[in-house]
Amino acid sequence: MLQILNRAATPPPPTQTTNPTPRRFLGRSALIVDDSEAHRTTIAAMLRRLSFADMHEAIDGVEGLAITRDVRPDVVICDLKMDHGNGFEFLRALRKDQDSALRRTPVVIASGLSGSGTVLKSVALDGSAFLAKPFRRDELADTLARVLGELN
């Protein structure tokens, strides 16, 4: 079931943490599928701070699907609006893959297109979660913890 990050009108107060670099994602791998190099770089930096061990990047859904099949990441973070295989096409193809383990790969849709129709289509295609861009590292961490089953 798709989990949607809801933002309050006013941001919550910052939380205190005893460990500035969470270790719960240590050893995890991720694939970032986005046509924007700036977005890929920003998300990769967030993942590094969250202790992800292995990160891969793809510029569109076609390349993303090939890399997913090759490296089998623990999670995919995918934009929607891309040439040569948008995020919906990527998600549709992944969920229909012959390999049942690959079909279960968690996919977080991360997009600036956050209208209700976009979110509903993500649900229909079995997206794991939806993050509206721009998002903060703590929002990404909470979402990843939910989809990877690593809640404290």
C-alpha atoms as a PDB file:
ATOM      1  CA  MET A   1       0.000   0.000   0.000  1.00  0.00           C
ATOM      2  CA  LEU A   2       1.327   3.448  -0.898  1.00  0.00           C
ATOM      3  CA  GLN A   3       2.350   5.615   2.013  1.00  0.00           C
ATOM      4  CA  ILE A   4       2.083   9.344   1.474  1.00  0.00           C
ATOM      5  CA  LEU A   5       4.123  11.896   3.336  1.00  0.00           C
ATOM      6  CA  ASN A   6       1.763  14.591   4.582  1.00  0.00           C
ATOM      7  CA  ARG A   7       3.287  17.907   5.491  1.00  0.00           C
ATOM      8  CA  ALA A   8       1.671  20.149   8.079  1.00  0.00           C
ATOM      9  CA  ALA A   9       1.104  23.809   7.249  1.00  0.00           C
ATOM     10  CA  THR A  10       3.888  24.722   9.666  1.00  0.00           C
ATOM     11  CA  PRO A  11       6.981  22.587   9.947  1.00  0.00           C
ATOM     12  CA  PRO A  12       7.422  20.607  13.168  1.00  0.00           C
ATOM     13  CA  PRO A  13      10.156  21.697  15.573  1.00  0.00           C
ATOM     14  CA  PRO A  14      13.556  20.111  14.947  1.00  0.00           C
ATOM     15  CA  THR A  15      14.127  16.880  16.810  1.00  0.00           C
ATOM     16  CA  GLN A  16      17.198  16.151  18.867  1.00  0.00           C
ATOM     17  CA  THR A  17      19.149  13.092  17.882  1.00  0.00           C
ATOM     18  CA  THR A  18      21.965  11.421  19.711  1.00  0.00           C
ATOM     19  CA  ASN A  19      23.406   9.954  16.524  1.00  0.00           C
ATOM     20  CA  PRO A  20      23.692  12.468  13.663  1.00  0.00           C
ATOM     21  CA  THR A  21      24.433   9.661  11.181  1.00  0.00           C
ATOM     22  CA  PRO A  22      21.766   6.964  11.469  1.00  0.00           C
ATOM     23  CA  ARG A  23      23.188   3.468  11.127  1.00  0.00           C
ATOM     24  CA  ARG A  24      19.910   1.663  10.458  1.00  0.00           C
ATOM     25  CA  PHE A  25      20.550   1.724   6.710  1.00  0.00           C
ATOM     26  CA  LEU A  26      24.152   0.509   6.956  1.00  0.00           C
ATOM     27  CA  GLY A  27      24.796  -1.994   4.187  1.00  0.00           C
ATOM     28  CA  ARG A  28      21.663  -1.051   2.215  1.00  0.00           C
ATOM     29  CA  SER A  29      21.667  -0.241  -1.497  1.00  0.00           C
ATOM     30  CA  ALA A  30      19.570   2.212  -3.480  1.00  0.00           C
ATOM     31  CA  LEU A  31      18.923   3.185  -7.066  1.00  0.00           C
ATOM     32  CA  ILE A  32      18.054   6.813  -7.851  1.00  0.00           C
ATOM     33  CA  VAL A  33      16.123   7.229 -11.109  1.00  0.00           C
ATOM     34  CA  ASP A  34      15.883  10.893 -12.104  1.00  0.00           C
ATOM     35  CA  ASP A  35      16.715  12.835 -15.248  1.00  0.00           C
ATOM     36  CA  SER A  36      18.033  15.773 -13.197  1.00  0.00           C
ATOM     37  CA  GLU A  37      21.684  15.401 -12.264  1.00  0.00           C
ATOM     38  CA  ALA A  38      21.172  17.961  -9.480  1.00  0.00           C
ATOM     39  CA  HIS A  39      18.359  15.885  -7.961  1.00  0.00           C
ATOM     40  CA  ARG A  40      20.360  12.651  -8.238  1.00  0.00           C
ATOM     41  CA  THR A  41      23.339  14.311  -6.563  1.00  0.00           C
ATOM     42  CA  THR A  42      21.213  15.748  -3.748  1.00  0.00           C
ATOM     43  CA  ILE A  43      19.426  12.453  -3.058  1.00  0.00           C
ATOM     44  CA  ALA A  44      22.721  10.526  -3.189  1.00  0.00           C
ATOM     45  CA  ALA A  45      24.207  12.921  -0.608  1.00  0.00           C
ATOM     46  CA  MET A  46      21.199  12.340   1.656  1.00  0.00           C
ATOM     47  CA  LEU A  47      21.562   8.568   1.281  1.00  0.00           C
ATOM     48  CA  ARG A  48      25.276   8.758   2.126  1.00  0.00           C
ATOM     49  CA  ARG A  49      24.400  10.667   5.326  1.00  0.00           C
ATOM     50  CA  LEU A  50      21.887   7.895   6.110  1.00  0.00           C
ATOM     51  CA  SER A  51      24.704   5.303   5.828  1.00  0.00           C
ATOM     52  CA  PHE A  52      23.599   3.669   2.588  1.00  0.00           C
ATOM     53  CA  ALA A  53      26.522   1.573   1.391  1.00  0.00           C
ATOM     54  CA  ASP A  54      25.812   1.296  -2.303  1.00  0.00           C
ATOM     55  CA  MET A  55      24.085   3.788  -4.600  1.00  0.00           C
ATOM     56  CA  HIS A  56      23.396   3.630  -8.300  1.00  0.00           C
ATOM     57  CA  GLU A  57      21.935   6.223 -10.633  1.00  0.00           C
ATOM     58  CA  ALA A  58      19.830   6.140 -13.788  1.00  0.00           C
ATOM     59  CA  ILE A  59      18.663   9.016 -15.963  1.00  0.00           C
ATOM     60  CA  ASP A  60      15.324   7.492 -17.014  1.00  0.00           C
ATOM     61  CA  GLY A  61      12.994   4.552 -16.498  1.00  0.00           C
ATOM     62  CA  VAL A  62      14.524   2.430 -19.249  1.00  0.00           C
ATOM     63  CA  GLU A  63      18.017   2.659 -17.762  1.00  0.00           C
ATOM     64  CA  GLY A  64      16.521   2.331 -14.269  1.00  0.00           C
ATOM     65  CA  LEU A  65      14.841  -0.962 -15.108  1.00  0.00           C
ATOM     66  CA  ALA A  66      18.067  -2.375 -16.577  1.00  0.00           C
ATOM     67  CA  ILE A  67      20.068  -1.341 -13.495  1.00  0.00           C
ATOM     68  CA  THR A  68      17.391  -2.694 -11.147  1.00  0.00           C
ATOM     69  CA  ARG A  69      17.594  -6.074 -12.877  1.00  0.00           C
ATOM     70  CA  ASP A  70      21.391  -6.011 -12.766  1.00  0.00           C
ATOM     71  CA  VAL A  71      22.161  -4.775  -9.231  1.00  0.00           C
ATOM     72  CA  ARG A  72      18.907  -5.593  -7.377  1.00  0.00           C
ATOM     73  CA  PRO A  73      18.872  -2.585  -5.034  1.00  0.00           C
ATOM     74  CA  ASP A  74      17.079  -2.711  -1.683  1.00  0.00           C
ATOM     75  CA  VAL A  75      15.020   0.330  -2.706  1.00  0.00           C
ATOM     76  CA  VAL A  76      14.437   2.523  -5.759  1.00  0.00           C
ATOM     77  CA  ILE A  77      13.784   6.264  -5.501  1.00  0.00           C
ATOM     78  CA  CYS A  78      12.158   7.305  -8.763  1.00  0.00           C
ATOM     79  CA  ASP A  79      11.078  10.595 -10.318  1.00  0.00           C
ATOM     80  CA  LEU A  80       7.974  10.629 -12.506  1.00  0.00           C
ATOM     81  CA  LYS A  81       8.594  13.098 -15.313  1.00  0.00           C
ATOM     82  CA  MET A  82      11.443  11.770 -17.480  1.00  0.00           C
ATOM     83  CA  ASP A  83      12.012  11.102 -21.168  1.00  0.00           C
ATOM     84  CA  HIS A  84      12.575   7.516 -22.359  1.00  0.00           C
ATOM     85  CA  GLY A  85      10.553   5.776 -19.693  1.00  0.00           C
ATOM     86  CA  ASN A  86       8.884   7.955 -17.086  1.00  0.00           C
ATOM     87  CA  GLY A  87       8.390   6.859 -13.485  1.00  0.00           C
ATOM     88  CA  PHE A  88       4.953   5.358 -14.115  1.00  0.00           C
ATOM     89  CA  GLU A  89       6.295   3.300 -17.038  1.00  0.00           C
ATOM     90  CA  PHE A  90       9.224   2.161 -14.867  1.00  0.00           C
ATOM     91  CA  LEU A  91       6.915   1.137 -12.020  1.00  0.00           C
ATOM     92  CA  ARG A  92       4.485  -0.646 -14.358  1.00  0.00           C
ATOM     93  CA  ALA A  93       7.316  -2.622 -16.002  1.00  0.00           C
ATOM     94  CA  LEU A  94       8.943  -3.501 -12.675  1.00  0.00           C
ATOM     95  CA  ARG A  95       5.679  -4.765 -11.163  1.00  0.00           C
ATOM     96  CA  LYS A  96       5.146  -6.992 -14.245  1.00  0.00           C
ATOM     97  CA  ASP A  97       8.699  -8.401 -14.333  1.00  0.00           C
ATOM     98  CA  GLN A  98       9.033 -12.182 -14.601  1.00  0.00           C
ATOM     99  CA  ASP A  99      11.218 -12.270 -11.474  1.00  0.00           C
ATOM    100  CA  SER A 100       8.926 -12.260  -8.433  1.00  0.00           C
ATOM    101  CA  ALA A 101      11.655 -10.987  -6.083  1.00  0.00           C
ATOM    102  CA  LEU A 102      12.325  -8.052  -8.412  1.00  0.00           C
ATOM    103  CA  ARG A 103       8.606  -7.255  -8.568  1.00  0.00           C
ATOM    104  CA  ARG A 104       8.640  -6.761  -4.784  1.00  0.00           C
ATOM    105  CA  THR A 105      11.422  -4.140  -4.849  1.00  0.00           C
ATOM    106  CA  PRO A 106      10.210  -1.122  -2.857  1.00  0.00           C
ATOM    107  CA  VAL A 107       9.815   1.976  -5.037  1.00  0.00           C
ATOM    108  CA  VAL A 108       9.548   5.442  -3.511  1.00  0.00           C
ATOM    109  CA  ILE A 109       8.079   7.905  -5.997  1.00  0.00           C
ATOM    110  CA  ALA A 110       9.789  11.269  -5.482  1.00  0.00           C
ATOM    111  CA  SER A 111       8.228  13.958  -7.624  1.00  0.00           C
ATOM    112  CA  GLY A 112       7.307  17.594  -7.854  1.00  0.00           C
ATOM    113  CA  LEU A 113       4.033  16.404  -9.415  1.00  0.00           C
ATOM    114  CA  SER A 114       2.105  15.806  -6.207  1.00  0.00           C
ATOM    115  CA  GLY A 115      -1.543  16.293  -7.167  1.00  0.00           C
ATOM    116  CA  SER A 116      -4.126  13.750  -6.049  1.00  0.00           C
ATOM    117  CA  GLY A 117      -4.300  12.172  -9.525  1.00  0.00           C
ATOM    118  CA  THR A 118      -0.554  11.552  -9.486  1.00  0.00           C
ATOM    119  CA  VAL A 119      -0.672  10.001  -6.028  1.00  0.00           C
ATOM    120  CA  LEU A 120      -3.686   7.833  -6.938  1.00  0.00           C
ATOM    121  CA  LYS A 121      -1.923   6.554 -10.066  1.00  0.00           C
ATOM    122  CA  SER A 122       1.109   5.695  -7.902  1.00  0.00           C
ATOM    123  CA  VAL A 123      -1.203   3.709  -5.619  1.00  0.00           C
ATOM    124  CA  ALA A 124      -2.774   1.907  -8.574  1.00  0.00           C
ATOM    125  CA  LEU A 125       0.678   0.880  -9.835  1.00  0.00           C
ATOM    126  CA  ASP A 126       1.714  -0.395  -6.394  1.00  0.00           C
ATOM    127  CA  GLY A 127       4.224   2.301  -5.504  1.00  0.00           C
ATOM    128  CA  SER A 128       5.600   1.811  -1.981  1.00  0.00           C
ATOM    129  CA  ALA A 129       5.561   5.481  -0.936  1.00  0.00           C
ATOM    130  CA  PHE A 130       5.301   8.991  -2.357  1.00  0.00           C
ATOM    131  CA  LEU A 131       7.540  11.932  -1.445  1.00  0.00           C
ATOM    132  CA  ALA A 132       6.762  15.397  -2.775  1.00  0.00           C
ATOM    133  CA  LYS A 133       9.848  17.300  -3.951  1.00  0.00           C
ATOM    134  CA  PRO A 134      11.554  19.088  -2.410  1.00  0.00           C
ATOM    135  CA  PHE A 135      11.915  16.916   0.674  1.00  0.00           C
ATOM    136  CA  ARG A 136      14.249  16.920   3.660  1.00  0.00           C
ATOM    137  CA  ARG A 137      16.645  14.160   4.686  1.00  0.00           C
ATOM    138  CA  ASP A 138      14.550  13.302   7.766  1.00  0.00           C
ATOM    139  CA  GLU A 139      11.464  12.882   5.545  1.00  0.00           C
ATOM    140  CA  LEU A 140      13.429  10.573   3.259  1.00  0.00           C
ATOM    141  CA  ALA A 141      14.766   8.615   6.259  1.00  0.00           C
ATOM    142  CA  ASP A 142      11.281   8.134   7.734  1.00  0.00           C
ATOM    143  CA  THR A 143       9.893   7.014   4.374  1.00  0.00           C
ATOM    144  CA  LEU A 144      12.767   4.590   3.772  1.00  0.00           C
ATOM    145  CA  ALA A 145      12.395   3.149   7.265  1.00  0.00           C
ATOM    146  CA  ARG A 146       8.724   2.435   6.580  1.00  0.00           C
ATOM    147  CA  VAL A 147       9.186   0.844   3.154  1.00  0.00           C
ATOM    148  CA  LEU A 148      12.229  -1.181   4.244  1.00  0.00           C
ATOM    149  CA  GLY A 149      10.560  -2.305   7.464  1.00  0.00           C
ATOM    150  CA  GLU A 150      13.174  -0.713   9.685  1.00  0.00           C
ATOM    151  CA  LEU A 151      11.101   1.281  12.124  1.00  0.00           C
ATOM    152  CA  ASN A 152      12.565   1.631  15.603  1.00  0.00           C
END
